[in-house]
Amino acid sequence: MTEQKATNVHWHEGDISREHRGRLLGQKGATLWFTGLSGSGKSTVAVALEGALYEAGRLSYRLDGDNVRLGINKNLGFSAEDRTENIRRIGEIAKLFVDTGVIALSSFVSPYREDRDTVRQLHEEAGMDFIEVFVDVPLDVAESRDPKGLYKKARAGEIKNFTGIDDPYEPPLNAEVILNSHEMSLQEEVDTLLNVLRERGII
């Protein structure tokens, strides 16, 4: 857990609670944490789920790896230490969305199990729903897709610390949802996730 450096700071509670905001929106906030190799289909299913939730009158927001690295995490690289800090910050941002009653769709490779477990713990300690979604495809399938040409560059030595090539990916041990995007249609993936959200009373 990251050390608290600032002293004499205290969380200030307002008069409007998470439950108030949830009633206003007609839903519960929750984080769906999509993890998997680059090219596994994390962002694809997150985008499709966001659309399905919108059509159902539900409010969600996507936190995508590249988008976040172009903004709040633009000062972080891809070393193990920077990856850990990247995920910690995203975990805290996702919590803020959940506190507002929004469904956060967090799509990140997040290769290290400990980092994902830390984000889970942050949510659980706050009484928030955290749903780990493992988008699981074999490396050769992800590499054959290579939508951004990153695997090709990694194989050529042009990118260092690339997950699945010269950096490890630690798959979840107890993910709430496993999606095999090479075997399921996109609609099947979205339907699976919508069912989970309904079963948990989030939508």
N, C-alpha and C. Protein backbone atom coordinates (compact mmCIF):
# COMPACT_ATOMS: atom_id res chain seq x y z
N MET A 1 0.85 -1.19 0.00
CA MET A 1 0.00 0.00 0.00
C MET A 1 0.89 1.24 0.00
N THR A 2 0.53 2.24 -0.78
CA THR A 2 1.31 3.45 -0.88
C THR A 2 1.25 4.25 0.42
N GLU A 3 2.40 4.78 0.82
CA GLU A 3 2.50 5.55 2.06
C GLU A 3 1.78 6.88 1.93
N GLN A 4 1.09 7.25 3.01
CA GLN A 4 0.42 8.55 3.09
C GLN A 4 1.46 9.58 3.52
N LYS A 5 1.83 10.48 2.62
CA LYS A 5 2.87 11.47 2.93
C LYS A 5 2.31 12.73 3.56
N ALA A 6 1.18 13.21 3.06
CA ALA A 6 0.59 14.42 3.62
C ALA A 6 0.05 14.14 5.02
N THR A 7 0.30 15.05 5.94
CA THR A 7 -0.19 14.89 7.31
C THR A 7 -1.31 15.88 7.59
N ASN A 8 -2.04 15.62 8.67
CA ASN A 8 -3.15 16.49 9.08
C ASN A 8 -4.21 16.65 7.99
N VAL A 9 -4.46 15.54 7.28
CA VAL A 9 -5.53 15.54 6.29
C VAL A 9 -6.58 14.51 6.73
N HIS A 10 -7.84 14.83 6.49
CA HIS A 10 -8.93 13.96 6.94
C HIS A 10 -10.01 13.92 5.87
N TRP A 11 -10.61 12.74 5.69
CA TRP A 11 -11.70 12.61 4.73
C TRP A 11 -12.90 13.39 5.25
N HIS A 12 -13.47 14.23 4.39
CA HIS A 12 -14.60 15.07 4.78
C HIS A 12 -15.89 14.51 4.20
N GLU A 13 -16.77 14.05 5.06
CA GLU A 13 -18.04 13.50 4.62
C GLU A 13 -19.02 14.63 4.31
N GLY A 14 -19.80 14.47 3.24
CA GLY A 14 -20.85 15.43 2.92
C GLY A 14 -22.19 14.95 3.44
N ASP A 15 -23.23 15.66 3.14
CA ASP A 15 -24.57 15.29 3.58
C ASP A 15 -25.24 14.31 2.62
N ILE A 16 -24.75 14.25 1.38
CA ILE A 16 -25.32 13.35 0.38
C ILE A 16 -24.46 12.09 0.31
N SER A 17 -25.06 10.96 0.58
CA SER A 17 -24.33 9.70 0.67
C SER A 17 -24.29 8.97 -0.68
N ARG A 18 -23.52 7.93 -0.72
CA ARG A 18 -23.47 7.06 -1.90
C ARG A 18 -24.85 6.49 -2.20
N GLU A 19 -25.59 6.15 -1.15
CA GLU A 19 -26.94 5.60 -1.33
C GLU A 19 -27.87 6.64 -1.94
N HIS A 20 -27.74 7.90 -1.51
CA HIS A 20 -28.55 8.97 -2.11
C HIS A 20 -28.28 9.05 -3.62
N ARG A 21 -27.01 9.05 -3.98
CA ARG A 21 -26.66 9.19 -5.39
C ARG A 21 -27.12 7.99 -6.20
N GLY A 22 -27.04 6.80 -5.58
CA GLY A 22 -27.52 5.60 -6.25
C GLY A 22 -29.02 5.65 -6.53
N ARG A 23 -29.77 6.16 -5.56
CA ARG A 23 -31.22 6.29 -5.76
C ARG A 23 -31.52 7.30 -6.87
N LEU A 24 -30.74 8.36 -6.92
CA LEU A 24 -30.93 9.37 -7.96
C LEU A 24 -30.74 8.77 -9.35
N LEU A 25 -29.74 7.89 -9.48
CA LEU A 25 -29.42 7.30 -10.77
C LEU A 25 -30.21 6.02 -11.05
N GLY A 26 -30.78 5.43 -10.01
CA GLY A 26 -31.50 4.17 -10.19
C GLY A 26 -30.58 3.00 -10.42
N GLN A 27 -29.39 3.04 -9.82
CA GLN A 27 -28.42 1.96 -9.97
C GLN A 27 -27.42 2.04 -8.81
N LYS A 28 -26.60 1.02 -8.71
CA LYS A 28 -25.50 1.05 -7.75
C LYS A 28 -24.20 1.28 -8.51
N GLY A 29 -23.28 1.98 -7.90
CA GLY A 29 -21.95 2.09 -8.49
C GLY A 29 -21.19 0.78 -8.32
N ALA A 30 -20.31 0.49 -9.23
CA ALA A 30 -19.48 -0.73 -9.16
C ALA A 30 -18.31 -0.57 -10.12
N THR A 31 -17.25 -1.28 -9.84
CA THR A 31 -16.11 -1.32 -10.78
C THR A 31 -16.03 -2.69 -11.43
N LEU A 32 -16.05 -2.69 -12.75
CA LEU A 32 -15.71 -3.90 -13.51
C LEU A 32 -14.28 -3.71 -13.98
N TRP A 33 -13.40 -4.59 -13.55
CA TRP A 33 -11.98 -4.46 -13.85
C TRP A 33 -11.61 -5.49 -14.92
N PHE A 34 -11.45 -5.01 -16.15
CA PHE A 34 -11.10 -5.89 -17.27
C PHE A 34 -9.58 -6.04 -17.32
N THR A 35 -9.11 -7.27 -17.19
CA THR A 35 -7.68 -7.53 -17.26
C THR A 35 -7.40 -8.63 -18.27
N GLY A 36 -6.23 -8.58 -18.87
CA GLY A 36 -5.85 -9.57 -19.87
C GLY A 36 -4.75 -9.02 -20.74
N LEU A 37 -4.20 -9.86 -21.58
CA LEU A 37 -3.12 -9.46 -22.47
C LEU A 37 -3.55 -8.35 -23.42
N SER A 38 -2.60 -7.58 -23.90
CA SER A 38 -2.87 -6.65 -24.98
C SER A 38 -3.41 -7.45 -26.17
N GLY A 39 -4.53 -7.00 -26.74
CA GLY A 39 -5.13 -7.72 -27.86
C GLY A 39 -6.12 -8.78 -27.44
N SER A 40 -6.37 -8.90 -26.13
CA SER A 40 -7.30 -9.95 -25.67
C SER A 40 -8.75 -9.57 -25.96
N GLY A 41 -9.03 -8.28 -26.08
CA GLY A 41 -10.40 -7.85 -26.33
C GLY A 41 -11.02 -7.08 -25.17
N LYS A 42 -10.18 -6.64 -24.22
CA LYS A 42 -10.69 -5.91 -23.04
C LYS A 42 -11.45 -4.65 -23.44
N SER A 43 -10.79 -3.81 -24.22
CA SER A 43 -11.42 -2.54 -24.59
C SER A 43 -12.64 -2.75 -25.47
N THR A 44 -12.58 -3.75 -26.34
CA THR A 44 -13.70 -4.02 -27.24
C THR A 44 -14.96 -4.35 -26.46
N VAL A 45 -14.84 -5.23 -25.47
CA VAL A 45 -16.03 -5.61 -24.70
C VAL A 45 -16.45 -4.48 -23.76
N ALA A 46 -15.50 -3.71 -23.25
CA ALA A 46 -15.86 -2.58 -22.38
C ALA A 46 -16.66 -1.54 -23.16
N VAL A 47 -16.23 -1.26 -24.39
CA VAL A 47 -16.95 -0.30 -25.24
C VAL A 47 -18.37 -0.82 -25.53
N ALA A 48 -18.47 -2.10 -25.86
CA ALA A 48 -19.78 -2.68 -26.17
C ALA A 48 -20.69 -2.68 -24.94
N LEU A 49 -20.13 -2.97 -23.77
CA LEU A 49 -20.93 -2.97 -22.55
C LEU A 49 -21.38 -1.56 -22.20
N GLU A 50 -20.51 -0.57 -22.40
CA GLU A 50 -20.88 0.82 -22.16
C GLU A 50 -22.08 1.20 -23.02
N GLY A 51 -22.06 0.77 -24.28
CA GLY A 51 -23.17 1.06 -25.18
C GLY A 51 -24.46 0.39 -24.73
N ALA A 52 -24.35 -0.86 -24.30
CA ALA A 52 -25.53 -1.60 -23.85
C ALA A 52 -26.12 -0.97 -22.59
N LEU A 53 -25.25 -0.54 -21.69
CA LEU A 53 -25.73 0.11 -20.47
C LEU A 53 -26.41 1.44 -20.79
N TYR A 54 -25.85 2.18 -21.73
CA TYR A 54 -26.45 3.45 -22.15
C TYR A 54 -27.85 3.22 -22.71
N GLU A 55 -27.97 2.21 -23.58
CA GLU A 55 -29.27 1.91 -24.18
C GLU A 55 -30.29 1.50 -23.13
N ALA A 56 -29.79 0.93 -22.01
CA ALA A 56 -30.68 0.52 -20.92
C ALA A 56 -30.91 1.64 -19.92
N GLY A 57 -30.39 2.83 -20.22
CA GLY A 57 -30.59 3.97 -19.33
C GLY A 57 -29.72 3.93 -18.10
N ARG A 58 -28.55 3.29 -18.20
CA ARG A 58 -27.63 3.17 -17.06
C ARG A 58 -26.36 3.97 -17.35
N LEU A 59 -25.83 4.59 -16.31
CA LEU A 59 -24.66 5.46 -16.46
C LEU A 59 -23.37 4.72 -16.13
N SER A 60 -22.47 4.70 -17.08
CA SER A 60 -21.15 4.08 -16.86
C SER A 60 -20.08 4.98 -17.46
N TYR A 61 -18.83 4.70 -17.10
CA TYR A 61 -17.72 5.46 -17.68
C TYR A 61 -16.53 4.53 -17.84
N ARG A 62 -15.93 4.59 -19.02
CA ARG A 62 -14.76 3.75 -19.31
C ARG A 62 -13.46 4.43 -18.91
N LEU A 63 -12.65 3.72 -18.18
CA LEU A 63 -11.29 4.13 -17.88
C LEU A 63 -10.38 3.18 -18.66
N ASP A 64 -9.78 3.70 -19.73
CA ASP A 64 -9.00 2.87 -20.64
C ASP A 64 -7.50 3.14 -20.47
N GLY A 65 -6.70 2.10 -20.59
CA GLY A 65 -5.26 2.20 -20.34
C GLY A 65 -4.58 3.34 -21.08
N ASP A 66 -4.73 3.39 -22.39
CA ASP A 66 -4.07 4.43 -23.18
C ASP A 66 -4.60 5.82 -22.83
N ASN A 67 -5.92 5.92 -22.67
CA ASN A 67 -6.52 7.22 -22.37
C ASN A 67 -5.96 7.80 -21.08
N VAL A 68 -5.85 6.95 -20.07
CA VAL A 68 -5.37 7.42 -18.77
C VAL A 68 -3.89 7.79 -18.84
N ARG A 69 -3.13 7.05 -19.64
CA ARG A 69 -1.70 7.36 -19.77
C ARG A 69 -1.45 8.62 -20.59
N LEU A 70 -2.46 9.11 -21.26
CA LEU A 70 -2.34 10.37 -21.98
C LEU A 70 -2.70 11.56 -21.08
N GLY A 71 -3.19 11.27 -19.88
CA GLY A 71 -3.62 12.33 -18.98
C GLY A 71 -3.01 12.19 -17.61
N ILE A 72 -3.80 11.73 -16.66
CA ILE A 72 -3.38 11.72 -15.26
C ILE A 72 -2.11 10.90 -15.02
N ASN A 73 -1.88 9.88 -15.83
CA ASN A 73 -0.70 9.03 -15.64
C ASN A 73 0.35 9.23 -16.73
N LYS A 74 0.39 10.39 -17.32
CA LYS A 74 1.33 10.65 -18.41
C LYS A 74 2.78 10.63 -17.94
N ASN A 75 3.01 10.73 -16.64
CA ASN A 75 4.37 10.72 -16.11
C ASN A 75 4.86 9.32 -15.74
N LEU A 76 4.08 8.29 -16.09
CA LEU A 76 4.45 6.92 -15.74
C LEU A 76 4.84 6.12 -16.98
N GLY A 77 5.86 5.28 -16.82
CA GLY A 77 6.29 4.39 -17.90
C GLY A 77 5.76 2.98 -17.69
N PHE A 78 6.56 1.98 -18.07
CA PHE A 78 6.10 0.60 -18.00
C PHE A 78 7.00 -0.29 -17.15
N SER A 79 7.80 0.32 -16.29
CA SER A 79 8.56 -0.49 -15.33
C SER A 79 7.58 -1.11 -14.34
N ALA A 80 8.03 -2.11 -13.59
CA ALA A 80 7.15 -2.74 -12.60
C ALA A 80 6.63 -1.70 -11.61
N GLU A 81 7.52 -0.80 -11.18
CA GLU A 81 7.12 0.22 -10.19
C GLU A 81 6.07 1.16 -10.78
N ASP A 82 6.28 1.59 -12.03
CA ASP A 82 5.33 2.50 -12.66
C ASP A 82 4.00 1.81 -12.95
N ARG A 83 4.05 0.54 -13.31
CA ARG A 83 2.80 -0.19 -13.54
C ARG A 83 1.99 -0.26 -12.24
N THR A 84 2.68 -0.51 -11.13
CA THR A 84 2.00 -0.58 -9.83
C THR A 84 1.34 0.75 -9.49
N GLU A 85 2.06 1.85 -9.69
CA GLU A 85 1.50 3.17 -9.40
C GLU A 85 0.36 3.50 -10.36
N ASN A 86 0.49 3.10 -11.62
CA ASN A 86 -0.56 3.30 -12.60
C ASN A 86 -1.87 2.66 -12.12
N ILE A 87 -1.78 1.42 -11.69
CA ILE A 87 -2.97 0.70 -11.26
C ILE A 87 -3.51 1.25 -9.94
N ARG A 88 -2.62 1.66 -9.04
CA ARG A 88 -3.08 2.24 -7.77
C ARG A 88 -3.92 3.49 -8.04
N ARG A 89 -3.41 4.38 -8.91
CA ARG A 89 -4.15 5.61 -9.21
C ARG A 89 -5.49 5.30 -9.84
N ILE A 90 -5.52 4.35 -10.76
CA ILE A 90 -6.77 4.00 -11.43
C ILE A 90 -7.75 3.41 -10.43
N GLY A 91 -7.25 2.61 -9.52
CA GLY A 91 -8.11 2.05 -8.48
C GLY A 91 -8.79 3.14 -7.67
N GLU A 92 -8.04 4.18 -7.32
CA GLU A 92 -8.60 5.29 -6.55
C GLU A 92 -9.62 6.08 -7.39
N ILE A 93 -9.31 6.27 -8.67
CA ILE A 93 -10.25 6.98 -9.55
C ILE A 93 -11.54 6.17 -9.70
N ALA A 94 -11.40 4.87 -9.90
CA ALA A 94 -12.58 4.01 -10.04
C ALA A 94 -13.45 4.10 -8.79
N LYS A 95 -12.82 4.12 -7.62
CA LYS A 95 -13.57 4.24 -6.37
C LYS A 95 -14.40 5.53 -6.33
N LEU A 96 -13.83 6.62 -6.82
CA LEU A 96 -14.57 7.88 -6.84
C LEU A 96 -15.81 7.77 -7.74
N PHE A 97 -15.65 7.11 -8.89
CA PHE A 97 -16.80 6.91 -9.77
C PHE A 97 -17.86 6.07 -9.07
N VAL A 98 -17.43 4.99 -8.42
CA VAL A 98 -18.38 4.13 -7.72
C VAL A 98 -19.12 4.92 -6.64
N ASP A 99 -18.39 5.80 -5.95
CA ASP A 99 -19.01 6.59 -4.89
C ASP A 99 -20.08 7.52 -5.44
N THR A 100 -19.95 7.91 -6.71
CA THR A 100 -20.97 8.77 -7.33
C THR A 100 -22.16 7.96 -7.84
N GLY A 101 -22.06 6.63 -7.80
CA GLY A 101 -23.13 5.78 -8.31
C GLY A 101 -22.93 5.33 -9.73
N VAL A 102 -21.79 5.65 -10.31
CA VAL A 102 -21.49 5.31 -11.70
C VAL A 102 -20.83 3.93 -11.77
N ILE A 103 -21.08 3.21 -12.84
CA ILE A 103 -20.43 1.92 -13.09
C ILE A 103 -19.13 2.19 -13.84
N ALA A 104 -18.00 1.94 -13.19
CA ALA A 104 -16.69 2.18 -13.80
C ALA A 104 -16.25 0.94 -14.56
N LEU A 105 -15.92 1.13 -15.83
CA LEU A 105 -15.44 0.04 -16.69
C LEU A 105 -13.94 0.27 -16.90
N SER A 106 -13.13 -0.39 -16.09
CA SER A 106 -11.68 -0.15 -16.07
C SER A 106 -10.98 -1.22 -16.90
N SER A 107 -10.38 -0.79 -18.00
CA SER A 107 -9.79 -1.73 -18.95
C SER A 107 -8.27 -1.54 -19.00
N PHE A 108 -7.55 -2.43 -18.32
CA PHE A 108 -6.10 -2.32 -18.20
C PHE A 108 -5.46 -3.70 -18.24
N VAL A 109 -4.31 -3.82 -18.90
CA VAL A 109 -3.58 -5.09 -18.86
C VAL A 109 -3.39 -5.50 -17.41
N SER A 110 -2.96 -4.57 -16.57
CA SER A 110 -2.73 -4.80 -15.13
C SER A 110 -2.17 -6.20 -14.88
N PRO A 111 -0.91 -6.43 -15.30
CA PRO A 111 -0.38 -7.78 -15.34
C PRO A 111 -0.07 -8.42 -14.00
N TYR A 112 0.04 -7.61 -12.94
CA TYR A 112 0.48 -8.17 -11.66
C TYR A 112 -0.70 -8.40 -10.73
N ARG A 113 -0.80 -9.63 -10.26
CA ARG A 113 -1.91 -10.04 -9.41
C ARG A 113 -1.99 -9.19 -8.14
N GLU A 114 -0.85 -8.89 -7.56
CA GLU A 114 -0.83 -8.12 -6.32
C GLU A 114 -1.45 -6.74 -6.51
N ASP A 115 -1.17 -6.11 -7.65
CA ASP A 115 -1.72 -4.78 -7.92
C ASP A 115 -3.24 -4.84 -8.04
N ARG A 116 -3.75 -5.85 -8.75
CA ARG A 116 -5.20 -5.98 -8.90
C ARG A 116 -5.86 -6.29 -7.56
N ASP A 117 -5.19 -7.11 -6.75
CA ASP A 117 -5.73 -7.44 -5.43
C ASP A 117 -5.77 -6.22 -4.52
N THR A 118 -4.80 -5.32 -4.71
CA THR A 118 -4.80 -4.09 -3.92
C THR A 118 -6.01 -3.24 -4.26
N VAL A 119 -6.34 -3.15 -5.55
CA VAL A 119 -7.52 -2.38 -5.97
C VAL A 119 -8.79 -3.05 -5.44
N ARG A 120 -8.83 -4.36 -5.49
CA ARG A 120 -9.98 -5.09 -4.93
C ARG A 120 -10.15 -4.74 -3.45
N GLN A 121 -9.03 -4.77 -2.72
CA GLN A 121 -9.08 -4.49 -1.29
C GLN A 121 -9.58 -3.07 -1.02
N LEU A 122 -9.12 -2.11 -1.82
CA LEU A 122 -9.58 -0.73 -1.68
C LEU A 122 -11.10 -0.65 -1.77
N HIS A 123 -11.66 -1.37 -2.73
CA HIS A 123 -13.11 -1.36 -2.93
C HIS A 123 -13.82 -2.08 -1.79
N GLU A 124 -13.32 -3.25 -1.44
CA GLU A 124 -14.00 -4.05 -0.41
C GLU A 124 -14.00 -3.34 0.94
N GLU A 125 -12.89 -2.67 1.27
CA GLU A 125 -12.83 -1.94 2.53
C GLU A 125 -13.82 -0.79 2.56
N ALA A 126 -14.17 -0.26 1.38
CA ALA A 126 -15.14 0.83 1.29
C ALA A 126 -16.56 0.32 1.08
N GLY A 127 -16.75 -1.00 1.07
CA GLY A 127 -18.07 -1.58 0.87
C GLY A 127 -18.58 -1.42 -0.55
N MET A 128 -17.65 -1.45 -1.51
CA MET A 128 -18.00 -1.25 -2.92
C MET A 128 -17.85 -2.55 -3.70
N ASP A 129 -18.68 -2.70 -4.74
CA ASP A 129 -18.59 -3.88 -5.60
C ASP A 129 -17.38 -3.78 -6.52
N PHE A 130 -16.58 -4.83 -6.56
CA PHE A 130 -15.44 -4.94 -7.46
C PHE A 130 -15.58 -6.27 -8.19
N ILE A 131 -15.68 -6.20 -9.50
CA ILE A 131 -15.88 -7.40 -10.31
C ILE A 131 -14.69 -7.54 -11.26
N GLU A 132 -13.87 -8.53 -11.01
CA GLU A 132 -12.70 -8.76 -11.87
C GLU A 132 -13.14 -9.58 -13.08
N VAL A 133 -12.86 -9.04 -14.26
CA VAL A 133 -13.25 -9.70 -15.52
C VAL A 133 -11.97 -10.07 -16.26
N PHE A 134 -11.68 -11.35 -16.30
CA PHE A 134 -10.47 -11.84 -16.97
C PHE A 134 -10.81 -12.15 -18.42
N VAL A 135 -10.32 -11.32 -19.33
CA VAL A 135 -10.52 -11.56 -20.76
C VAL A 135 -9.35 -12.45 -21.20
N ASP A 136 -9.62 -13.73 -21.25
CA ASP A 136 -8.59 -14.76 -21.35
C ASP A 136 -8.50 -15.32 -22.76
N VAL A 137 -7.39 -15.04 -23.42
CA VAL A 137 -7.10 -15.65 -24.71
C VAL A 137 -5.65 -16.12 -24.71
N PRO A 138 -5.33 -17.15 -25.48
CA PRO A 138 -3.94 -17.58 -25.58
C PRO A 138 -3.07 -16.47 -26.17
N LEU A 139 -1.81 -16.47 -25.80
CA LEU A 139 -0.88 -15.45 -26.30
C LEU A 139 -0.85 -15.41 -27.82
N ASP A 140 -0.87 -16.59 -28.47
CA ASP A 140 -0.77 -16.58 -29.93
C ASP A 140 -1.99 -15.94 -30.58
N VAL A 141 -3.15 -16.04 -29.92
CA VAL A 141 -4.36 -15.38 -30.44
C VAL A 141 -4.23 -13.87 -30.29
N ALA A 142 -3.83 -13.42 -29.10
CA ALA A 142 -3.65 -11.99 -28.88
C ALA A 142 -2.62 -11.42 -29.84
N GLU A 143 -1.54 -12.16 -30.02
CA GLU A 143 -0.46 -11.69 -30.89
C GLU A 143 -0.90 -11.66 -32.35
N SER A 144 -1.76 -12.60 -32.75
CA SER A 144 -2.23 -12.61 -34.14
C SER A 144 -3.14 -11.42 -34.43
N ARG A 145 -3.81 -10.92 -33.40
CA ARG A 145 -4.67 -9.74 -33.58
C ARG A 145 -3.81 -8.49 -33.67
N ASP A 146 -2.96 -8.29 -32.68
CA ASP A 146 -1.98 -7.19 -32.63
C ASP A 146 -2.53 -5.89 -33.23
N PRO A 147 -3.65 -5.35 -32.70
CA PRO A 147 -4.30 -4.19 -33.33
C PRO A 147 -3.43 -2.94 -33.41
N LYS A 148 -2.47 -2.81 -32.50
CA LYS A 148 -1.62 -1.61 -32.50
C LYS A 148 -0.20 -1.90 -33.00
N GLY A 149 0.04 -3.14 -33.43
CA GLY A 149 1.38 -3.51 -33.90
C GLY A 149 2.42 -3.58 -32.80
N LEU A 150 1.97 -3.73 -31.55
CA LEU A 150 2.89 -3.70 -30.42
C LEU A 150 3.67 -5.00 -30.27
N TYR A 151 3.02 -6.12 -30.53
CA TYR A 151 3.73 -7.40 -30.42
C TYR A 151 4.86 -7.46 -31.43
N LYS A 152 4.58 -6.99 -32.64
CA LYS A 152 5.61 -6.99 -33.68
C LYS A 152 6.82 -6.16 -33.24
N LYS A 153 6.55 -4.99 -32.65
CA LYS A 153 7.64 -4.14 -32.17
C LYS A 153 8.37 -4.79 -30.99
N ALA A 154 7.61 -5.44 -30.11
CA ALA A 154 8.24 -6.11 -28.96
C ALA A 154 9.13 -7.26 -29.41
N ARG A 155 8.65 -8.03 -30.38
CA ARG A 155 9.45 -9.15 -30.91
C ARG A 155 10.72 -8.64 -31.58
N ALA A 156 10.64 -7.42 -32.14
CA ALA A 156 11.82 -6.84 -32.81
C ALA A 156 12.74 -6.11 -31.84
N GLY A 157 12.37 -6.11 -30.56
CA GLY A 157 13.19 -5.45 -29.56
C GLY A 157 13.01 -3.95 -29.49
N GLU A 158 11.98 -3.44 -30.18
CA GLU A 158 11.74 -1.99 -30.20
C GLU A 158 10.96 -1.51 -28.98
N ILE A 159 10.27 -2.44 -28.28
CA ILE A 159 9.55 -2.12 -27.05
C ILE A 159 10.04 -3.05 -25.96
N LYS A 160 10.45 -2.48 -24.84
CA LYS A 160 10.90 -3.27 -23.70
C LYS A 160 9.77 -3.38 -22.68
N ASN A 161 9.89 -4.38 -21.81
CA ASN A 161 8.92 -4.60 -20.73
C ASN A 161 7.50 -4.79 -21.26
N PHE A 162 7.39 -5.52 -22.37
CA PHE A 162 6.06 -5.73 -22.96
C PHE A 162 5.46 -7.02 -22.41
N THR A 163 4.27 -6.89 -21.84
CA THR A 163 3.62 -8.03 -21.19
C THR A 163 3.37 -9.17 -22.17
N GLY A 164 3.77 -10.36 -21.74
CA GLY A 164 3.60 -11.55 -22.56
C GLY A 164 4.82 -11.90 -23.39
N ILE A 165 5.72 -10.90 -23.57
CA ILE A 165 6.94 -11.13 -24.35
C ILE A 165 8.15 -11.13 -23.42
N ASP A 166 8.47 -9.97 -22.84
CA ASP A 166 9.60 -9.95 -21.90
C ASP A 166 9.19 -9.48 -20.51
N ASP A 167 7.90 -9.39 -20.28
CA ASP A 167 7.37 -9.13 -18.95
C ASP A 167 6.25 -10.12 -18.69
N PRO A 168 6.08 -10.57 -17.45
CA PRO A 168 5.07 -11.61 -17.19
C PRO A 168 3.65 -11.07 -17.12
N TYR A 169 2.68 -11.96 -17.34
CA TYR A 169 1.28 -11.68 -17.03
C TYR A 169 0.84 -12.73 -16.02
N GLU A 170 0.33 -12.27 -14.89
CA GLU A 170 -0.13 -13.17 -13.83
C GLU A 170 -1.65 -13.24 -13.88
N PRO A 171 -2.20 -14.34 -14.39
CA PRO A 171 -3.66 -14.42 -14.52
C PRO A 171 -4.36 -14.44 -13.17
N PRO A 172 -5.59 -13.93 -13.11
CA PRO A 172 -6.34 -13.96 -11.85
C PRO A 172 -6.56 -15.39 -11.38
N LEU A 173 -6.63 -15.56 -10.07
CA LEU A 173 -6.90 -16.88 -9.51
C LEU A 173 -8.39 -17.07 -9.23
N ASN A 174 -9.09 -15.96 -8.96
CA ASN A 174 -10.50 -16.07 -8.59
C ASN A 174 -11.32 -14.94 -9.22
N ALA A 175 -11.17 -14.74 -10.52
CA ALA A 175 -11.94 -13.70 -11.20
C ALA A 175 -13.42 -14.02 -11.13
N GLU A 176 -14.24 -12.98 -10.92
CA GLU A 176 -15.68 -13.18 -10.90
C GLU A 176 -16.21 -13.61 -12.26
N VAL A 177 -15.58 -13.13 -13.33
CA VAL A 177 -16.03 -13.45 -14.69
C VAL A 177 -14.81 -13.77 -15.54
N ILE A 178 -14.90 -14.83 -16.33
CA ILE A 178 -13.88 -15.16 -17.33
C ILE A 178 -14.53 -15.14 -18.70
N LEU A 179 -13.98 -14.32 -19.58
CA LEU A 179 -14.48 -14.22 -20.95
C LEU A 179 -13.39 -14.74 -21.90
N ASN A 180 -13.72 -15.74 -22.68
CA ASN A 180 -12.80 -16.25 -23.69
C ASN A 180 -13.21 -15.62 -25.03
N SER A 181 -12.61 -14.47 -25.32
CA SER A 181 -13.09 -13.68 -26.46
C SER A 181 -12.82 -14.35 -27.80
N HIS A 182 -11.94 -15.36 -27.83
CA HIS A 182 -11.68 -16.08 -29.08
C HIS A 182 -12.71 -17.18 -29.31
N GLU A 183 -13.55 -17.44 -28.29
CA GLU A 183 -14.55 -18.50 -28.40
C GLU A 183 -15.97 -17.97 -28.26
N MET A 184 -16.11 -16.74 -27.76
CA MET A 184 -17.44 -16.16 -27.53
C MET A 184 -17.67 -15.01 -28.50
N SER A 185 -18.93 -14.81 -28.85
CA SER A 185 -19.26 -13.62 -29.64
C SER A 185 -19.25 -12.43 -28.70
N LEU A 186 -19.12 -11.23 -29.28
CA LEU A 186 -19.13 -10.02 -28.47
C LEU A 186 -20.46 -9.89 -27.73
N GLN A 187 -21.55 -10.25 -28.37
CA GLN A 187 -22.86 -10.17 -27.72
C GLN A 187 -22.95 -11.13 -26.55
N GLU A 188 -22.36 -12.31 -26.68
CA GLU A 188 -22.36 -13.27 -25.57
C GLU A 188 -21.57 -12.71 -24.39
N GLU A 189 -20.47 -12.04 -24.67
CA GLU A 189 -19.68 -11.44 -23.59
C GLU A 189 -20.48 -10.36 -22.88
N VAL A 190 -21.11 -9.49 -23.65
CA VAL A 190 -21.90 -8.39 -23.06
C VAL A 190 -23.07 -8.96 -22.25
N ASP A 191 -23.76 -9.96 -22.78
CA ASP A 191 -24.89 -10.56 -22.07
C ASP A 191 -24.44 -11.18 -20.75
N THR A 192 -23.28 -11.82 -20.77
CA THR A 192 -22.74 -12.41 -19.54
C THR A 192 -22.54 -11.35 -18.48
N LEU A 193 -21.98 -10.23 -18.87
CA LEU A 193 -21.69 -9.15 -17.91
C LEU A 193 -22.97 -8.48 -17.43
N LEU A 194 -23.92 -8.27 -18.32
CA LEU A 194 -25.21 -7.69 -17.91
C LEU A 194 -25.91 -8.58 -16.90
N ASN A 195 -25.84 -9.88 -17.11
CA ASN A 195 -26.46 -10.82 -16.17
C ASN A 195 -25.81 -10.73 -14.80
N VAL A 196 -24.48 -10.60 -14.77
CA VAL A 196 -23.77 -10.46 -13.49
C VAL A 196 -24.20 -9.18 -12.78
N LEU A 197 -24.31 -8.09 -13.53
CA LEU A 197 -24.73 -6.82 -12.93
C LEU A 197 -26.16 -6.90 -12.38
N ARG A 198 -27.02 -7.61 -13.08
CA ARG A 198 -28.39 -7.78 -12.60
C ARG A 198 -28.42 -8.66 -11.34
N GLU A 199 -27.67 -9.75 -11.36
CA GLU A 199 -27.64 -10.67 -10.22
C GLU A 199 -27.15 -9.98 -8.96
N ARG A 200 -26.24 -9.02 -9.11
CA ARG A 200 -25.69 -8.32 -7.96
C ARG A 200 -26.52 -7.10 -7.56
N GLY A 201 -27.58 -6.84 -8.30
CA GLY A 201 -28.45 -5.72 -7.96
C GLY A 201 -27.84 -4.37 -8.29
N ILE A 202 -26.88 -4.37 -9.22
CA ILE A 202 -26.22 -3.11 -9.61
C ILE A 202 -27.08 -2.37 -10.61
N ILE A 203 -27.73 -3.10 -11.51
CA ILE A 203 -28.67 -2.49 -12.46
C ILE A 203 -30.03 -3.18 -12.32
